[in-house]
């Protein structure tokens, strides 16, 4: 194997290693993003539930004030 072929093989191997590492990192980032989306969705659901409870309480107290 000539010097050029060895150099090409070395560069090809480095490229494949980098490609594999990049793919693994991308998969990890995609999983992290999905997790954050789920977490934010859960937080949003909780905020909406809290807002609904506050609105119900406000309606109850408002009706009580009108009775007085």
Protein backbone atom coordinates (compact mmCIF):
# COMPACT_ATOMS: atom_id res chain seq x y z
CA UNK A 1 0.00 0.00 0.00
CA UNK A 2 1.46 3.33 -1.08
CA UNK A 3 1.77 6.45 1.06
CA UNK A 4 -1.23 8.14 -0.60
CA UNK A 5 -3.42 5.10 -0.05
CA UNK A 6 -2.43 4.98 3.64
CA UNK A 7 -3.20 8.69 3.99
CA UNK A 8 -6.56 8.24 2.27
CA UNK A 9 -7.40 5.23 4.47
CA UNK A 10 -6.45 7.22 7.58
CA UNK A 11 -8.61 10.18 6.55
CA UNK A 12 -11.49 7.87 5.67
CA UNK A 13 -11.27 6.19 9.08
CA UNK A 14 -11.18 9.58 10.85
CA UNK A 15 -14.19 10.72 8.84
CA UNK A 16 -16.16 7.58 9.70
CA UNK A 17 -15.29 7.94 13.40
CA UNK A 18 -16.34 11.58 13.39
CA UNK A 19 -19.54 10.70 11.53
CA UNK A 20 -20.42 8.02 14.10
CA UNK A 21 -19.67 10.36 17.03
CA UNK A 22 -21.75 13.12 15.45
CA UNK A 23 -24.67 10.75 14.83
CA UNK A 24 -24.57 9.55 18.45
CA UNK A 25 -24.46 13.14 19.71
CA UNK A 26 -27.39 14.10 17.46
CA UNK A 27 -29.45 11.17 18.79
CA UNK A 28 -28.66 12.28 22.34
CA UNK A 29 -29.67 15.86 21.58
CA UNK A 30 -32.90 14.71 19.93
CA UNK A 31 -33.77 12.65 23.02
CA UNK A 32 -33.00 15.63 25.25
CA UNK A 33 -35.20 17.88 23.10
CA UNK A 34 -38.08 15.39 23.26
CA UNK A 35 -37.70 15.23 27.02
CA UNK A 36 -37.76 19.03 27.30
CA UNK A 37 -40.85 19.22 25.09
CA UNK A 38 -42.62 16.69 27.30
CA UNK A 39 -41.54 18.54 30.45
CA UNK A 40 -42.71 21.89 29.08
CA UNK A 41 -45.99 20.32 27.96
CA UNK A 42 -46.56 18.96 31.46
CA UNK A 43 -45.75 22.36 32.97
CA UNK A 44 -48.17 24.06 30.56
CA UNK A 45 -50.91 21.58 31.45
CA UNK A 46 -50.38 22.28 35.15
CA UNK A 47 -50.49 26.06 34.58
CA UNK A 48 -53.76 25.73 32.66
CA UNK A 49 -55.25 23.59 35.43
CA UNK A 50 -54.17 26.17 38.03
CA UNK A 51 -55.65 29.00 35.97
CA UNK A 52 -58.91 27.08 35.66
CA UNK A 53 -59.03 26.57 39.43
CA UNK A 54 -58.36 30.27 40.02
CA UNK A 55 -61.12 31.21 37.59
CA UNK A 56 -63.55 28.85 39.35
CA UNK A 57 -62.61 30.29 42.74
CA UNK A 58 -63.02 33.83 41.43
CA UNK A 59 -66.48 32.97 40.06
CA UNK A 60 -67.50 31.46 43.38
CA UNK A 61 -66.30 34.47 45.38
CA UNK A 62 -67.84 36.90 42.92
CA UNK A 63 -71.24 35.20 43.27
CA UNK A 64 -70.89 35.28 47.07
CA UNK A 65 -70.15 39.03 46.97
CA UNK A 66 -73.32 39.64 44.94
CA UNK A 67 -75.34 37.69 47.52
CA UNK A 68 -74.14 40.00 50.29
